[in-house]
């Protein structure tokens, strides 16, 4: 059952096409410190990633398509789309007054491009598209149809202005109004990015360059040269207890925690069990958030003796584990651990033995784990580290929102097996009971 209409697919096409153009614009702006035009259209969209994303959405709605099959078919389709795009450029983009020598392209470049877009598209499909689907589903159908119609009209008009009129009347592409708007938008994004970077790292601006910056011109360095300059000045990325450092620590600790739990369960129970908290990626948020909060809370006592760190970790760990259990039970109706069978437990949510372990872990964390992780993070180039930290935060936020949607529906499905709206239908189709059990095999519902 396809949970989308033609109107939805049009909106998805333009949204993901614009997202791809925006991503490419930001990437090149950081790399070259300036705007470079992307795409075969005057509209700010990239066609190939948008088409591949639509293909992913349609193919993923088929129940008989596995994840490997989905990725493989999208990869092949991406190569096909890339070849069609090159043909389209050679066929329609040439101007009789000013012929353009286009690259012929090769299979290696198409393969790399298709592989990258397939993996990125799959990440978006699992960690972001359910949110977009929910937003679109909540909007009035009449409004969606009007918006889709306007977007289609703009696309047809763009093709006519870009490919048909220039071939007949020899209009220069630079004279087309839509192209000028796209250029201004791209340059505005590029200037905005670097203005923010210069505010954060004012030493990048020399005395003679400050005036030029106000007029919209920037020193032609790029992120690599800028990071090299900052590191030569001795500027350290996310020094101390910095917000960006905590984001990187969340990523690293969540990944390490997932690996540790997986290995522990395999060695003790001889079962290869998925221990991730999120629907996408090997990340255990309990470990990641625990490491982040532990660092923030205990940073005041880490310079004291080991006993003080142990006591602080003992009580913090017990309270953190208890509150995590309460949170999952109250908001999701799920229980991921139960220590009722163990002596000295507190409501089955934690116990003195594990609180003792939390104290030991706190001592080991500040003496052996946190220092090398902190040094590793601080060695990341400053601007690159900041940009990636924002991307990591957005990924975790999006993945967590999708995870919450799936968990809430998984619990609600016990009382209401039949979906009551299109969002529940979507979750039931993409994340049925067997998929939820695969994602979180150690989960128990309170209603069971």
Foldseek 3Di string as FASTA:
>chain_A
DQLDDPLRLLVQLAVQQLVVLVVVLVVCCQAFVFGDDDDPWLASGHRLLSVLLSLLSVVLLDPPADPVNSLVVSLVVQLVVVQVVLVCCQPFQAFPVDGDDDDNDDSVVSNVVSNVSSVVSVLCVQQPVLVVVVVVQPDDPVVSVVVSVVSVVVVVVRCCVRGPCCNPPVDDPVPDPSNVVSNVVSLVVSLVVVVVVCVVPVVLDDPVAPVVNVVSDHPRQHNVRSLVVCVVVVDWAQPDLRPLLLLVLLVVQQQVVLVVVQVVCCVPVVDRAGDDLFLDDSGNNLRSVCLSVLCVVCVVCLPPDLVVLLVVQLVVVQVSQQVVQVVCCVLQQKGLFFQPVPPQADRRRGGNVVSNVSSVVSSCCSPPNVVVSSVVLRPPRHVVSVVVSVVSVVSVVSRVVSSSLLSNLLQVCVVPVDDDGSSSVVSCSNCNPVNVCRNRVSMDGNVD
